[in-house]
Amino acid sequence: MILGAHIDSLVERSNLLSLLERCAQDSMAEVRQSSFALLGDLTKACFRHVRKHLNVFLPLLTQNLDPHHVSVCNNAIWAIGEIAIQIGSEIQPFVSIILESLILIINRNNTPKTLLENTAITIGRLGLVCPNDVSLQLQRFIRPWCVALRNIRDNDEKDSAFRGICNMIILNPLAVTNEFIYVCDAIASWEKPPIELHAKFRDILQTFKQEFGNEQWKQLTDRFPLPLKQRLQIHYGV
């Protein structure tokens, strides 16, 4: 906590970010792994200093989305998600190339659980800040996205990712029709969603119910496991 209060001034008086640029280009994977972890931490702690170096860091991050180097890839994906939250739609020029890599990773067999979770969170965060771009690809990742995040605990990262997926579903609802049970299961995985997110979930579920019609909705939800069906009825009135 003491360091946290002074990190901004410490970074300002140092050449840390210039050194970090060099380390992020090192040939050793272990060095790049640590560099991207620190970059993510600095993005959260003192982003105004990181911002000046994004023209270097964002291309480097996109070049390190190789799942064969799991730890490097994992930290790069996490850092991208943190940067996206900070700069919002300014990340749009990089979204296409980043998203293509993330979709390949989230659909890849035998991807480690932590990498899947970070990939899903960052996809959601990109959808939060650039929903029009990311929603076009929704059908390509919605099922593994839902599976990846259904078991993680409620937290701020999960919140931002789900707000992003809600934005995308609203823009492109047809993309999730065939995977709707996975969407419902992911929504039901929340113990206590924040008020704003709960309202988004309720609106999406009730809109789908109206679009399906009562008979088709009943046929669909009759195939749901009973605990899932009950949670949706109790928490969202569907």
Foldseek 3Di string as FASTA:
>chain_A
DVCLVCVQVVVVPDCVVVVLLVQCPDPDLVSVLVSLQVLQVCLVRHVVVVVVVCVRLVVSLLVQCDCVSPSNNQSSLLSLLSVCVVPFCVCVVVCVSSVVSLLCQLPDPPRDLSSNLSSLLSLLSNLLRPVVVSLVCCLSHVQSSLVSQLPDADDDSSLSSLNSVLSSCVVPVVSCPVVVLSVLSSVLSYPDHPPVSLVSVLVSVVVVCVVCDVVSVCVVCVPHPPVSSVSCCVSRVD
